[in-house]
Every structure is written in structure tokens, then in C-alpha cells.
N, C-alpha and C. Protein backbone atom coordinates (compact mmCIF):
# COMPACT_ATOMS: atom_id res chain seq x y z
N MET A 1 52.72 20.26 3.55
CA MET A 1 51.73 19.41 4.21
C MET A 1 50.31 19.92 3.97
N THR A 2 50.14 21.25 4.10
CA THR A 2 48.81 21.82 3.90
C THR A 2 48.32 21.57 2.49
N GLY A 3 49.23 21.70 1.50
CA GLY A 3 48.86 21.46 0.12
C GLY A 3 48.45 20.02 -0.10
N SER A 4 49.15 19.08 0.52
CA SER A 4 48.82 17.66 0.38
C SER A 4 47.46 17.36 0.96
N VAL A 5 47.18 17.92 2.14
CA VAL A 5 45.88 17.72 2.77
C VAL A 5 44.77 18.29 1.89
N SER A 6 45.03 19.47 1.32
CA SER A 6 44.03 20.10 0.46
C SER A 6 43.76 19.26 -0.77
N ARG A 7 44.83 18.72 -1.38
CA ARG A 7 44.64 17.87 -2.55
C ARG A 7 43.88 16.60 -2.20
N ALA A 8 44.20 16.01 -1.05
CA ALA A 8 43.51 14.80 -0.61
C ALA A 8 42.03 15.08 -0.37
N ALA A 9 41.75 16.24 0.20
CA ALA A 9 40.35 16.61 0.44
C ALA A 9 39.60 16.78 -0.87
N ARG A 10 40.27 17.41 -1.86
CA ARG A 10 39.62 17.60 -3.15
C ARG A 10 39.37 16.26 -3.84
N VAL A 11 40.34 15.36 -3.76
CA VAL A 11 40.17 14.04 -4.36
C VAL A 11 39.03 13.29 -3.69
N THR A 12 39.00 13.34 -2.36
CA THR A 12 37.93 12.66 -1.62
C THR A 12 36.57 13.22 -1.98
N ALA A 13 36.49 14.56 -2.06
CA ALA A 13 35.22 15.19 -2.42
C ALA A 13 34.80 14.80 -3.83
N SER A 14 35.76 14.75 -4.74
CA SER A 14 35.45 14.38 -6.12
C SER A 14 34.94 12.95 -6.21
N ILE A 15 35.56 12.06 -5.45
CA ILE A 15 35.10 10.66 -5.44
C ILE A 15 33.69 10.56 -4.88
N GLY A 16 33.44 11.31 -3.80
CA GLY A 16 32.11 11.30 -3.20
C GLY A 16 31.04 11.81 -4.15
N ILE A 17 31.34 12.91 -4.83
CA ILE A 17 30.39 13.47 -5.79
C ILE A 17 30.13 12.49 -6.92
N ALA A 18 31.22 11.88 -7.42
CA ALA A 18 31.07 10.92 -8.52
C ALA A 18 30.22 9.73 -8.09
N ALA A 19 30.40 9.28 -6.84
CA ALA A 19 29.62 8.14 -6.34
C ALA A 19 28.14 8.48 -6.26
N VAL A 20 27.84 9.68 -5.77
CA VAL A 20 26.44 10.09 -5.65
C VAL A 20 25.80 10.25 -7.02
N VAL A 21 26.49 10.92 -7.93
CA VAL A 21 25.96 11.10 -9.28
C VAL A 21 25.79 9.75 -9.97
N GLY A 22 26.79 8.90 -9.85
CA GLY A 22 26.70 7.59 -10.47
C GLY A 22 25.55 6.76 -9.94
N ALA A 23 25.34 6.81 -8.62
CA ALA A 23 24.24 6.06 -8.03
C ALA A 23 22.89 6.55 -8.54
N ASN A 24 22.74 7.86 -8.64
CA ASN A 24 21.47 8.41 -9.12
C ASN A 24 21.22 8.06 -10.58
N VAL A 25 22.27 8.10 -11.39
CA VAL A 25 22.12 7.72 -12.80
C VAL A 25 21.75 6.24 -12.90
N TRP A 26 22.40 5.40 -12.13
CA TRP A 26 22.13 3.97 -12.15
C TRP A 26 20.68 3.68 -11.79
N ILE A 27 20.22 4.29 -10.70
CA ILE A 27 18.85 4.06 -10.26
C ILE A 27 17.86 4.52 -11.33
N ARG A 28 18.09 5.68 -11.92
CA ARG A 28 17.18 6.20 -12.95
C ARG A 28 17.13 5.26 -14.15
N LEU A 29 18.28 4.75 -14.56
CA LEU A 29 18.31 3.85 -15.71
C LEU A 29 17.61 2.53 -15.40
N ALA A 30 17.82 2.02 -14.18
CA ALA A 30 17.19 0.75 -13.80
C ALA A 30 15.68 0.86 -13.75
N ALA A 31 15.17 2.05 -13.45
CA ALA A 31 13.72 2.25 -13.33
C ALA A 31 13.08 2.82 -14.59
N ALA A 32 13.88 3.11 -15.59
CA ALA A 32 13.37 3.77 -16.79
C ALA A 32 12.26 2.96 -17.46
N GLY A 33 11.17 3.67 -17.78
CA GLY A 33 10.05 3.04 -18.47
C GLY A 33 9.15 2.21 -17.60
N ARG A 34 9.39 2.23 -16.29
CA ARG A 34 8.61 1.35 -15.39
C ARG A 34 7.92 2.14 -14.29
N ILE A 35 7.60 3.40 -14.55
CA ILE A 35 6.93 4.24 -13.56
C ILE A 35 5.69 4.84 -14.20
N ARG A 36 4.58 4.81 -13.47
CA ARG A 36 3.30 5.26 -14.00
C ARG A 36 2.58 6.16 -12.98
N THR A 37 1.62 6.91 -13.48
CA THR A 37 0.65 7.57 -12.61
C THR A 37 -0.40 6.52 -12.22
N PRO A 38 -1.22 6.79 -11.21
CA PRO A 38 -2.27 5.82 -10.86
C PRO A 38 -3.20 5.52 -12.03
N ALA A 39 -3.52 6.53 -12.83
CA ALA A 39 -4.43 6.32 -13.96
C ALA A 39 -3.81 5.48 -15.06
N GLU A 40 -2.48 5.41 -15.09
CA GLU A 40 -1.79 4.63 -16.12
C GLU A 40 -1.38 3.24 -15.64
N ALA A 41 -1.56 2.97 -14.36
CA ALA A 41 -1.05 1.72 -13.79
C ALA A 41 -1.71 0.50 -14.42
N PRO A 42 -0.92 -0.52 -14.76
CA PRO A 42 -1.50 -1.73 -15.33
C PRO A 42 -2.24 -2.54 -14.28
N THR A 43 -3.20 -3.32 -14.71
CA THR A 43 -3.90 -4.21 -13.80
C THR A 43 -2.94 -5.28 -13.31
N THR A 44 -2.80 -5.38 -12.01
CA THR A 44 -1.84 -6.29 -11.39
C THR A 44 -2.48 -6.84 -10.12
N ALA A 45 -2.18 -8.08 -9.79
CA ALA A 45 -2.84 -8.71 -8.65
C ALA A 45 -2.54 -8.00 -7.33
N VAL A 46 -1.29 -7.57 -7.15
CA VAL A 46 -0.85 -7.08 -5.84
C VAL A 46 -0.26 -5.68 -5.97
N ALA A 47 -0.61 -4.83 -5.02
CA ALA A 47 0.07 -3.54 -4.85
C ALA A 47 0.82 -3.60 -3.52
N ILE A 48 2.03 -3.07 -3.51
CA ILE A 48 2.83 -2.99 -2.29
C ILE A 48 2.95 -1.53 -1.89
N VAL A 49 2.52 -1.24 -0.66
CA VAL A 49 2.63 0.13 -0.13
C VAL A 49 3.73 0.13 0.92
N LEU A 50 4.71 0.99 0.74
CA LEU A 50 5.83 1.05 1.66
C LEU A 50 5.52 1.98 2.82
N GLY A 51 5.90 1.56 4.01
CA GLY A 51 5.58 2.30 5.22
C GLY A 51 6.34 3.60 5.35
N ALA A 52 5.84 4.44 6.24
CA ALA A 52 6.47 5.71 6.59
C ALA A 52 5.93 6.08 7.97
N GLN A 53 6.29 7.25 8.44
CA GLN A 53 5.95 7.62 9.80
C GLN A 53 4.44 7.72 10.05
N VAL A 54 4.08 7.36 11.29
CA VAL A 54 2.71 7.54 11.77
C VAL A 54 2.76 8.42 13.02
N ARG A 55 1.62 8.94 13.37
CA ARG A 55 1.53 9.76 14.59
C ARG A 55 0.22 9.43 15.29
N ASP A 56 0.31 9.02 16.53
CA ASP A 56 -0.88 8.66 17.31
C ASP A 56 -1.73 7.63 16.57
N GLY A 57 -1.04 6.69 15.92
CA GLY A 57 -1.74 5.63 15.22
C GLY A 57 -2.31 6.00 13.87
N GLN A 58 -2.04 7.21 13.40
CA GLN A 58 -2.56 7.68 12.12
C GLN A 58 -1.42 7.93 11.13
N PRO A 59 -1.59 7.57 9.87
CA PRO A 59 -0.55 7.84 8.88
C PRO A 59 -0.29 9.34 8.75
N MET A 60 0.97 9.70 8.70
CA MET A 60 1.33 11.09 8.42
C MET A 60 1.28 11.32 6.91
N SER A 61 1.60 12.51 6.46
CA SER A 61 1.29 12.94 5.10
C SER A 61 1.89 12.04 4.02
N PHE A 62 3.15 11.67 4.16
CA PHE A 62 3.75 10.82 3.13
C PHE A 62 3.01 9.49 3.02
N LEU A 63 2.78 8.87 4.15
CA LEU A 63 2.13 7.56 4.16
C LEU A 63 0.68 7.66 3.72
N ALA A 64 -0.02 8.69 4.15
CA ALA A 64 -1.42 8.86 3.74
C ALA A 64 -1.53 8.99 2.23
N GLY A 65 -0.59 9.71 1.61
CA GLY A 65 -0.61 9.83 0.15
C GLY A 65 -0.45 8.50 -0.54
N ARG A 66 0.44 7.67 -0.03
CA ARG A 66 0.66 6.34 -0.61
C ARG A 66 -0.60 5.47 -0.44
N LEU A 67 -1.18 5.53 0.72
CA LEU A 67 -2.37 4.72 0.98
C LEU A 67 -3.54 5.17 0.13
N ASP A 68 -3.69 6.47 -0.05
CA ASP A 68 -4.78 6.97 -0.90
C ASP A 68 -4.62 6.47 -2.34
N THR A 69 -3.39 6.37 -2.80
CA THR A 69 -3.15 5.83 -4.14
C THR A 69 -3.54 4.36 -4.20
N ALA A 70 -3.20 3.61 -3.17
CA ALA A 70 -3.59 2.20 -3.12
C ALA A 70 -5.10 2.05 -3.12
N VAL A 71 -5.78 2.93 -2.40
CA VAL A 71 -7.24 2.90 -2.38
C VAL A 71 -7.80 3.14 -3.77
N GLN A 72 -7.23 4.13 -4.46
CA GLN A 72 -7.67 4.41 -5.83
C GLN A 72 -7.45 3.20 -6.74
N LEU A 73 -6.28 2.60 -6.65
CA LEU A 73 -5.97 1.43 -7.49
C LEU A 73 -6.93 0.28 -7.19
N PHE A 74 -7.26 0.09 -5.93
CA PHE A 74 -8.16 -1.01 -5.55
C PHE A 74 -9.57 -0.76 -6.07
N HIS A 75 -10.09 0.43 -5.83
CA HIS A 75 -11.47 0.70 -6.22
C HIS A 75 -11.65 0.82 -7.73
N GLU A 76 -10.56 1.08 -8.45
CA GLU A 76 -10.62 1.09 -9.91
C GLU A 76 -10.42 -0.31 -10.49
N GLY A 77 -10.23 -1.29 -9.63
CA GLY A 77 -10.06 -2.66 -10.08
C GLY A 77 -8.70 -2.97 -10.65
N ARG A 78 -7.71 -2.12 -10.37
CA ARG A 78 -6.37 -2.35 -10.91
C ARG A 78 -5.57 -3.33 -10.06
N VAL A 79 -5.92 -3.49 -8.78
CA VAL A 79 -5.28 -4.47 -7.91
C VAL A 79 -6.34 -5.18 -7.08
N GLY A 80 -6.01 -6.38 -6.64
CA GLY A 80 -6.96 -7.13 -5.83
C GLY A 80 -6.55 -7.29 -4.38
N VAL A 81 -5.24 -7.21 -4.12
CA VAL A 81 -4.70 -7.40 -2.77
C VAL A 81 -3.63 -6.34 -2.54
N VAL A 82 -3.56 -5.84 -1.31
CA VAL A 82 -2.56 -4.84 -0.95
C VAL A 82 -1.65 -5.39 0.14
N LEU A 83 -0.36 -5.38 -0.12
CA LEU A 83 0.64 -5.71 0.89
C LEU A 83 1.14 -4.42 1.49
N VAL A 84 0.93 -4.24 2.79
CA VAL A 84 1.46 -3.07 3.48
C VAL A 84 2.73 -3.52 4.21
N SER A 85 3.83 -2.87 3.90
CA SER A 85 5.13 -3.31 4.40
C SER A 85 5.84 -2.16 5.08
N GLY A 86 6.27 -2.40 6.31
CA GLY A 86 6.95 -1.35 7.05
C GLY A 86 7.43 -1.89 8.38
N ASP A 87 7.59 -1.00 9.32
CA ASP A 87 8.11 -1.34 10.64
C ASP A 87 6.94 -1.49 11.62
N GLY A 88 6.72 -2.73 12.05
CA GLY A 88 5.63 -2.97 13.00
C GLY A 88 5.94 -2.51 14.40
N ASN A 89 7.18 -2.10 14.62
CA ASN A 89 7.58 -1.61 15.94
C ASN A 89 8.43 -0.36 15.77
N GLY A 90 7.98 0.53 14.91
CA GLY A 90 8.75 1.71 14.58
C GLY A 90 8.78 2.75 15.69
N SER A 91 9.71 3.67 15.58
CA SER A 91 9.85 4.70 16.61
C SER A 91 8.63 5.60 16.69
N SER A 92 7.88 5.73 15.58
CA SER A 92 6.68 6.57 15.59
C SER A 92 5.41 5.77 15.83
N GLY A 93 5.53 4.43 15.88
CA GLY A 93 4.35 3.59 16.11
C GLY A 93 4.32 2.40 15.17
N ASP A 94 3.26 1.65 15.26
CA ASP A 94 3.08 0.45 14.45
C ASP A 94 2.57 0.85 13.06
N GLU A 95 3.47 0.88 12.09
CA GLU A 95 3.09 1.32 10.76
C GLU A 95 2.07 0.37 10.13
N ILE A 96 2.21 -0.92 10.36
CA ILE A 96 1.32 -1.91 9.75
C ILE A 96 -0.10 -1.74 10.26
N ALA A 97 -0.27 -1.60 11.55
CA ALA A 97 -1.60 -1.42 12.12
C ALA A 97 -2.24 -0.14 11.60
N ALA A 98 -1.46 0.94 11.55
CA ALA A 98 -2.00 2.22 11.07
C ALA A 98 -2.41 2.13 9.61
N MET A 99 -1.59 1.48 8.78
CA MET A 99 -1.91 1.36 7.36
C MET A 99 -3.14 0.50 7.15
N THR A 100 -3.21 -0.60 7.87
CA THR A 100 -4.35 -1.51 7.71
C THR A 100 -5.65 -0.82 8.12
N GLU A 101 -5.63 -0.15 9.24
CA GLU A 101 -6.84 0.54 9.71
C GLU A 101 -7.27 1.62 8.72
N TYR A 102 -6.32 2.34 8.18
CA TYR A 102 -6.63 3.40 7.22
C TYR A 102 -7.28 2.82 5.97
N LEU A 103 -6.71 1.75 5.44
CA LEU A 103 -7.26 1.14 4.22
C LEU A 103 -8.65 0.57 4.46
N VAL A 104 -8.84 -0.07 5.59
CA VAL A 104 -10.17 -0.61 5.91
C VAL A 104 -11.17 0.53 6.00
N GLY A 105 -10.75 1.63 6.60
CA GLY A 105 -11.63 2.79 6.71
C GLY A 105 -11.99 3.40 5.37
N LYS A 106 -11.16 3.14 4.35
CA LYS A 106 -11.42 3.65 3.00
C LYS A 106 -12.11 2.61 2.12
N GLY A 107 -12.57 1.52 2.73
CA GLY A 107 -13.40 0.58 1.98
C GLY A 107 -12.71 -0.65 1.42
N ILE A 108 -11.45 -0.88 1.78
CA ILE A 108 -10.78 -2.11 1.34
C ILE A 108 -11.02 -3.19 2.39
N PRO A 109 -11.59 -4.32 2.03
CA PRO A 109 -11.86 -5.38 3.02
C PRO A 109 -10.57 -5.85 3.69
N HIS A 110 -10.68 -6.16 4.97
CA HIS A 110 -9.51 -6.56 5.75
C HIS A 110 -8.83 -7.78 5.13
N GLU A 111 -9.63 -8.69 4.57
CA GLU A 111 -9.06 -9.92 4.01
C GLU A 111 -8.28 -9.66 2.72
N ARG A 112 -8.40 -8.46 2.17
CA ARG A 112 -7.62 -8.12 0.98
C ARG A 112 -6.30 -7.41 1.33
N ILE A 113 -6.01 -7.29 2.62
CA ILE A 113 -4.82 -6.59 3.08
C ILE A 113 -3.92 -7.57 3.82
N VAL A 114 -2.65 -7.60 3.46
CA VAL A 114 -1.65 -8.43 4.13
C VAL A 114 -0.57 -7.51 4.66
N GLY A 115 -0.12 -7.77 5.87
CA GLY A 115 0.90 -6.92 6.48
C GLY A 115 2.24 -7.62 6.63
N ASP A 116 3.31 -6.87 6.38
CA ASP A 116 4.66 -7.35 6.65
C ASP A 116 5.32 -6.37 7.61
N PRO A 117 5.38 -6.72 8.91
CA PRO A 117 5.95 -5.80 9.90
C PRO A 117 7.47 -5.77 9.91
N LEU A 118 8.11 -6.54 9.00
CA LEU A 118 9.57 -6.59 8.97
C LEU A 118 10.14 -5.96 7.70
N GLY A 119 9.33 -5.13 7.04
CA GLY A 119 9.84 -4.35 5.91
C GLY A 119 10.53 -3.11 6.45
N LEU A 120 11.65 -3.32 7.12
CA LEU A 120 12.29 -2.25 7.88
C LEU A 120 12.98 -1.22 7.00
N ARG A 121 13.35 -1.62 5.80
CA ARG A 121 13.95 -0.71 4.81
C ARG A 121 13.32 -1.02 3.46
N THR A 122 13.54 -0.12 2.53
CA THR A 122 13.00 -0.34 1.18
C THR A 122 13.53 -1.65 0.61
N TYR A 123 14.83 -1.91 0.78
CA TYR A 123 15.39 -3.15 0.27
C TYR A 123 14.67 -4.36 0.86
N ASP A 124 14.45 -4.35 2.16
CA ASP A 124 13.80 -5.49 2.80
C ASP A 124 12.36 -5.67 2.33
N THR A 125 11.65 -4.58 2.13
CA THR A 125 10.29 -4.70 1.59
C THR A 125 10.31 -5.44 0.26
N CYS A 126 11.21 -5.06 -0.62
CA CYS A 126 11.28 -5.69 -1.94
C CYS A 126 11.71 -7.15 -1.84
N ALA A 127 12.77 -7.41 -1.08
CA ALA A 127 13.30 -8.76 -0.98
C ALA A 127 12.31 -9.69 -0.28
N ARG A 128 11.65 -9.22 0.76
CA ARG A 128 10.71 -10.07 1.48
C ARG A 128 9.44 -10.32 0.66
N ALA A 129 9.07 -9.37 -0.19
CA ALA A 129 7.93 -9.60 -1.07
C ALA A 129 8.15 -10.86 -1.91
N VAL A 130 9.40 -11.05 -2.35
CA VAL A 130 9.73 -12.22 -3.16
C VAL A 130 9.99 -13.44 -2.30
N HIS A 131 10.91 -13.32 -1.36
CA HIS A 131 11.40 -14.48 -0.61
C HIS A 131 10.43 -14.96 0.45
N THR A 132 9.67 -14.06 1.05
CA THR A 132 8.75 -14.46 2.11
C THR A 132 7.34 -14.68 1.59
N PHE A 133 6.86 -13.78 0.73
CA PHE A 133 5.47 -13.83 0.29
C PHE A 133 5.28 -14.41 -1.10
N GLY A 134 6.35 -14.71 -1.79
CA GLY A 134 6.25 -15.36 -3.09
C GLY A 134 5.66 -14.51 -4.20
N ILE A 135 5.77 -13.20 -4.08
CA ILE A 135 5.21 -12.31 -5.11
C ILE A 135 6.20 -12.22 -6.28
N GLU A 136 5.69 -12.37 -7.47
CA GLU A 136 6.53 -12.28 -8.67
C GLU A 136 6.33 -10.96 -9.41
N ARG A 137 5.15 -10.37 -9.28
CA ARG A 137 4.85 -9.14 -10.02
C ARG A 137 3.96 -8.27 -9.15
N ALA A 138 4.22 -6.96 -9.14
CA ALA A 138 3.44 -6.07 -8.28
C ALA A 138 3.57 -4.63 -8.73
N LEU A 139 2.60 -3.83 -8.30
CA LEU A 139 2.74 -2.38 -8.35
C LEU A 139 3.35 -1.94 -7.02
N VAL A 140 4.33 -1.05 -7.07
CA VAL A 140 4.94 -0.54 -5.85
C VAL A 140 4.61 0.94 -5.74
N VAL A 141 4.09 1.33 -4.58
CA VAL A 141 3.48 2.65 -4.44
C VAL A 141 4.26 3.51 -3.46
N SER A 142 4.65 4.70 -3.91
CA SER A 142 5.29 5.68 -3.04
C SER A 142 5.35 7.01 -3.78
N GLN A 143 6.01 7.99 -3.15
CA GLN A 143 6.17 9.29 -3.80
C GLN A 143 7.18 9.21 -4.94
N ALA A 144 7.11 10.18 -5.85
CA ALA A 144 7.91 10.14 -7.08
C ALA A 144 9.41 10.11 -6.82
N PHE A 145 9.88 10.75 -5.76
CA PHE A 145 11.33 10.75 -5.51
C PHE A 145 11.80 9.38 -5.02
N HIS A 146 10.90 8.58 -4.47
CA HIS A 146 11.23 7.29 -3.87
C HIS A 146 11.04 6.13 -4.84
N VAL A 147 10.08 6.25 -5.73
CA VAL A 147 9.68 5.14 -6.60
C VAL A 147 10.82 4.57 -7.44
N PRO A 148 11.69 5.39 -8.06
CA PRO A 148 12.76 4.78 -8.87
C PRO A 148 13.63 3.82 -8.07
N ARG A 149 13.92 4.16 -6.84
CA ARG A 149 14.75 3.28 -6.01
C ARG A 149 14.03 1.96 -5.71
N ILE A 150 12.72 2.05 -5.45
CA ILE A 150 11.96 0.83 -5.20
C ILE A 150 11.99 -0.08 -6.42
N VAL A 151 11.77 0.50 -7.58
CA VAL A 151 11.75 -0.30 -8.80
C VAL A 151 13.11 -0.93 -9.06
N ALA A 152 14.18 -0.17 -8.89
CA ALA A 152 15.53 -0.71 -9.11
C ALA A 152 15.83 -1.85 -8.15
N LEU A 153 15.50 -1.68 -6.88
CA LEU A 153 15.74 -2.73 -5.90
C LEU A 153 14.86 -3.95 -6.18
N SER A 154 13.62 -3.70 -6.58
CA SER A 154 12.71 -4.81 -6.90
C SER A 154 13.28 -5.67 -8.01
N ARG A 155 13.76 -5.03 -9.05
CA ARG A 155 14.31 -5.78 -10.17
C ARG A 155 15.53 -6.58 -9.74
N ARG A 156 16.31 -6.04 -8.81
CA ARG A 156 17.51 -6.75 -8.33
C ARG A 156 17.14 -8.05 -7.63
N VAL A 157 16.02 -8.06 -6.89
CA VAL A 157 15.66 -9.25 -6.11
C VAL A 157 14.68 -10.15 -6.85
N GLY A 158 14.37 -9.83 -8.10
CA GLY A 158 13.52 -10.71 -8.89
C GLY A 158 12.04 -10.38 -8.87
N LEU A 159 11.69 -9.17 -8.45
CA LEU A 159 10.30 -8.74 -8.44
C LEU A 159 10.04 -7.87 -9.67
N ASP A 160 9.12 -8.30 -10.50
CA ASP A 160 8.74 -7.54 -11.70
C ASP A 160 7.82 -6.42 -11.25
N ALA A 161 8.40 -5.26 -11.02
CA ALA A 161 7.65 -4.16 -10.40
C ALA A 161 7.45 -3.00 -11.35
N VAL A 162 6.26 -2.42 -11.25
CA VAL A 162 5.96 -1.15 -11.89
C VAL A 162 5.69 -0.15 -10.78
N GLY A 163 6.38 0.96 -10.80
CA GLY A 163 6.20 1.97 -9.77
C GLY A 163 5.02 2.86 -10.05
N VAL A 164 4.30 3.22 -9.00
CA VAL A 164 3.16 4.12 -9.13
C VAL A 164 3.40 5.33 -8.23
N ASN A 165 3.44 6.50 -8.83
CA ASN A 165 3.67 7.73 -8.08
C ASN A 165 2.43 8.15 -7.30
N SER A 166 2.63 8.49 -6.05
CA SER A 166 1.52 8.97 -5.23
C SER A 166 1.73 10.44 -4.90
N GLU A 167 0.63 11.11 -4.65
CA GLU A 167 0.69 12.51 -4.25
C GLU A 167 1.05 12.61 -2.77
N CYS A 168 1.34 13.80 -2.34
CA CYS A 168 1.66 14.02 -0.93
C CYS A 168 1.25 15.42 -0.52
N ASN A 169 0.38 15.52 0.45
CA ASN A 169 -0.02 16.82 0.98
C ASN A 169 1.00 17.23 2.05
N CYS A 170 2.21 17.48 1.58
CA CYS A 170 3.35 17.69 2.47
C CYS A 170 3.85 19.13 2.39
N ARG A 171 4.53 19.56 3.42
CA ARG A 171 5.18 20.86 3.39
C ARG A 171 6.34 20.83 2.39
N ALA A 172 6.57 21.96 1.77
CA ALA A 172 7.66 22.05 0.79
C ALA A 172 9.00 21.73 1.43
N THR A 173 9.20 22.16 2.66
CA THR A 173 10.47 21.88 3.34
C THR A 173 10.65 20.39 3.58
N SER A 174 9.56 19.71 3.91
CA SER A 174 9.63 18.28 4.15
C SER A 174 9.95 17.53 2.86
N LEU A 175 9.31 17.94 1.77
CA LEU A 175 9.59 17.31 0.48
C LEU A 175 11.05 17.53 0.08
N ALA A 176 11.54 18.75 0.26
CA ALA A 176 12.93 19.04 -0.10
C ALA A 176 13.90 18.22 0.73
N ARG A 177 13.62 18.10 2.00
CA ARG A 177 14.51 17.33 2.88
C ARG A 177 14.53 15.86 2.47
N ASN A 178 13.37 15.31 2.16
CA ASN A 178 13.32 13.90 1.77
C ASN A 178 13.94 13.66 0.40
N ARG A 179 13.75 14.60 -0.52
CA ARG A 179 14.42 14.47 -1.83
C ARG A 179 15.93 14.48 -1.66
N GLY A 180 16.42 15.40 -0.83
CA GLY A 180 17.86 15.48 -0.60
C GLY A 180 18.40 14.20 0.01
N ARG A 181 17.71 13.67 0.99
CA ARG A 181 18.14 12.42 1.60
C ARG A 181 18.14 11.29 0.57
N GLU A 182 17.12 11.27 -0.28
CA GLU A 182 17.02 10.23 -1.30
C GLU A 182 18.22 10.29 -2.25
N TRP A 183 18.51 11.47 -2.76
CA TRP A 183 19.57 11.60 -3.77
C TRP A 183 20.96 11.40 -3.17
N LEU A 184 21.19 11.94 -1.97
CA LEU A 184 22.54 11.94 -1.40
C LEU A 184 22.87 10.68 -0.61
N LEU A 185 21.87 10.07 0.02
CA LEU A 185 22.14 8.94 0.92
C LEU A 185 21.47 7.64 0.49
N ALA A 186 20.16 7.70 0.25
CA ALA A 186 19.41 6.47 0.03
C ALA A 186 19.79 5.77 -1.27
N ARG A 187 19.96 6.53 -2.35
CA ARG A 187 20.29 5.89 -3.63
C ARG A 187 21.70 5.30 -3.64
N PRO A 188 22.72 5.99 -3.11
CA PRO A 188 24.02 5.33 -3.01
C PRO A 188 23.96 4.06 -2.16
N ARG A 189 23.23 4.08 -1.08
CA ARG A 189 23.10 2.87 -0.27
C ARG A 189 22.38 1.77 -1.04
N ALA A 190 21.39 2.14 -1.84
CA ALA A 190 20.67 1.16 -2.64
C ALA A 190 21.59 0.47 -3.63
N VAL A 191 22.52 1.23 -4.22
CA VAL A 191 23.47 0.63 -5.15
C VAL A 191 24.35 -0.39 -4.43
N VAL A 192 24.73 -0.08 -3.20
CA VAL A 192 25.49 -1.05 -2.41
C VAL A 192 24.66 -2.32 -2.20
N ASP A 193 23.37 -2.15 -1.89
CA ASP A 193 22.49 -3.31 -1.73
C ASP A 193 22.40 -4.11 -3.02
N ILE A 194 22.26 -3.41 -4.14
CA ILE A 194 22.15 -4.08 -5.44
C ILE A 194 23.41 -4.90 -5.72
N LEU A 195 24.57 -4.36 -5.37
CA LEU A 195 25.82 -5.03 -5.66
C LEU A 195 26.14 -6.17 -4.70
N LEU A 196 25.77 -6.01 -3.43
CA LEU A 196 26.27 -6.94 -2.42
C LEU A 196 25.24 -7.88 -1.82
N ARG A 197 23.97 -7.51 -1.81
CA ARG A 197 22.97 -8.33 -1.12
C ARG A 197 22.28 -9.28 -2.09
N HIS A 198 21.84 -10.42 -1.54
CA HIS A 198 21.19 -11.43 -2.36
C HIS A 198 19.88 -11.94 -1.74
N GLY A 199 19.50 -11.41 -0.61
CA GLY A 199 18.26 -11.82 0.04
C GLY A 199 17.91 -10.82 1.12
N PRO A 200 16.76 -11.00 1.78
CA PRO A 200 16.34 -10.04 2.81
C PRO A 200 17.27 -10.03 4.01
N THR A 201 17.37 -8.89 4.66
CA THR A 201 18.15 -8.78 5.88
C THR A 201 17.54 -9.63 6.97
N VAL A 202 16.22 -9.59 7.08
CA VAL A 202 15.50 -10.39 8.07
C VAL A 202 14.83 -11.53 7.32
N VAL A 203 15.27 -12.75 7.58
CA VAL A 203 14.75 -13.92 6.88
C VAL A 203 13.63 -14.55 7.70
N SER A 204 12.50 -14.82 7.06
CA SER A 204 11.36 -15.45 7.70
C SER A 204 10.96 -16.69 6.92
N GLU A 205 10.19 -17.55 7.59
CA GLU A 205 9.62 -18.69 6.88
C GLU A 205 8.65 -18.19 5.81
N PRO A 206 8.51 -18.94 4.72
CA PRO A 206 7.55 -18.53 3.68
C PRO A 206 6.15 -18.31 4.25
N ASP A 207 5.49 -17.28 3.77
CA ASP A 207 4.16 -16.90 4.25
C ASP A 207 3.21 -16.93 3.06
N ASP A 208 2.14 -17.72 3.17
CA ASP A 208 1.20 -17.88 2.04
C ASP A 208 0.00 -16.95 2.13
N ALA A 209 0.11 -15.88 2.93
CA ALA A 209 -1.03 -14.98 3.11
C ALA A 209 -1.45 -14.31 1.81
N ILE A 210 -0.50 -13.92 0.98
CA ILE A 210 -0.83 -13.31 -0.31
C ILE A 210 -1.52 -14.35 -1.20
N GLU A 211 -0.98 -15.54 -1.25
CA GLU A 211 -1.56 -16.60 -2.07
C GLU A 211 -3.00 -16.89 -1.66
N LYS A 212 -3.25 -16.93 -0.36
CA LYS A 212 -4.60 -17.19 0.13
C LYS A 212 -5.54 -16.03 -0.20
N ALA A 213 -5.05 -14.81 -0.05
CA ALA A 213 -5.89 -13.64 -0.36
C ALA A 213 -6.27 -13.61 -1.83
N LEU A 214 -5.32 -13.96 -2.68
CA LEU A 214 -5.60 -14.00 -4.12
C LEU A 214 -6.55 -15.14 -4.47
N ALA A 215 -6.36 -16.29 -3.83
CA ALA A 215 -7.24 -17.44 -4.09
C ALA A 215 -8.67 -17.13 -3.71
N ALA A 216 -8.85 -16.32 -2.67
CA ALA A 216 -10.20 -15.97 -2.22
C ALA A 216 -10.94 -15.10 -3.23
N LEU A 217 -10.16 -14.47 -4.13
CA LEU A 217 -10.81 -13.64 -5.16
C LEU A 217 -11.50 -14.47 -6.20
N GLY A 218 -11.14 -15.76 -6.26
CA GLY A 218 -11.73 -16.64 -7.28
C GLY A 218 -11.03 -16.47 -8.59
């Protein structure tokens, strides 16, 4: 009996390892050739910044790094409108309000910023960009460990996305923890989303805020 249990445990562990490795390879291949530094980013109408934790209404290090990249892209004329997508009622606070205030404080006009408070997961941010806001092409901004998953999910839902890596003034332990979570949990879950989902988890009526913001640019 003990030998059977041991063999079953080894088989289960082998399957788990294979699933994690396979998911990471899949995500990397799906994103291959579609990731840039801010200086290499192509000119695109819309940049999408994915939410992360805030504290006392202020972006924490991961989110601040993403927003600073969006600011750079905007002021260099690489994007005209920024979609900030995250949890408007998150456990750490209103990510959308914090992101919008931060960008305005860095010189991006309020009318060039659109918020999606129902981008509760990376998958939903990508799917809602297409299904709710009608975006066909965008730069997606996050840290390097996260960007491949965003690009892979974007392509699955019909968003022609180029990922832009952002810096992060983060502790090494925090970066290591987030990388581990990305490789072991988030990417396998993303593959499940790619295989099984066909639209956003939270469905909303179409929103023309992006279209109006772009039209205002002339």
C-alpha cells in the first residue's frame, strides 16, 4: 500500500510539474516577438495599464512603475489615450481612482484617461478592452514577469497587443514572490482561460469612452 501511494504521489507530482512547465512554454511562445522596452514601443493609440495594489490612495511600487511607463509613452507621443484597468473596489482601495490621480499629477489630461473598474483579473482586463471598450490594438504595460501573460491573453481575445516592460522600485523579496506566483499559478490559470473562456467574466454594455477620447484628439 505504501509503495502504491508513493508511486501515485510521484505521478501526481510529475503531472503537476509538466503542467506548469508546459504553461510557461506556451505563454512564452504566444508572446514571442511582441514585447518591447518603452523606448522601442510602437506608436499606438491606446495604452492599457493593469492595476495592482494601492495604499492610502497611492499606487504602491509595482503599480507606480507601470504608471510611470505610461507617462513616458504619453509624453513621448507614443500613445494618445490611457486605459487604466483594475479593481475599483479592491481590498487595498480604489485602484482606478489612484491610477487616474497619479497620471493627472504627472501631466496627462483627465480626458485622455479612461477607467475600467471591472478589470478584476488580467484576463478580464484584456477581454473587456475588446468586448466593452472596442479596442483592437494597444500597448499593454506591466512588469517583465507579467507582460508575456498579458500578451498571450490579449491575443486569445482578439486584442492586437504589444507588451511594454516597466521598471519597478521593488524589494527583491517582493519581486521573487511575484515571479514565483506568476510562473507556478498565474500562467497555468491563464492557459485554462485561453482554452475555456470566450469573453469577459463580467459582461457590461459597450462603452464608447475610448472612442470619444480618441475622437477628441482630432
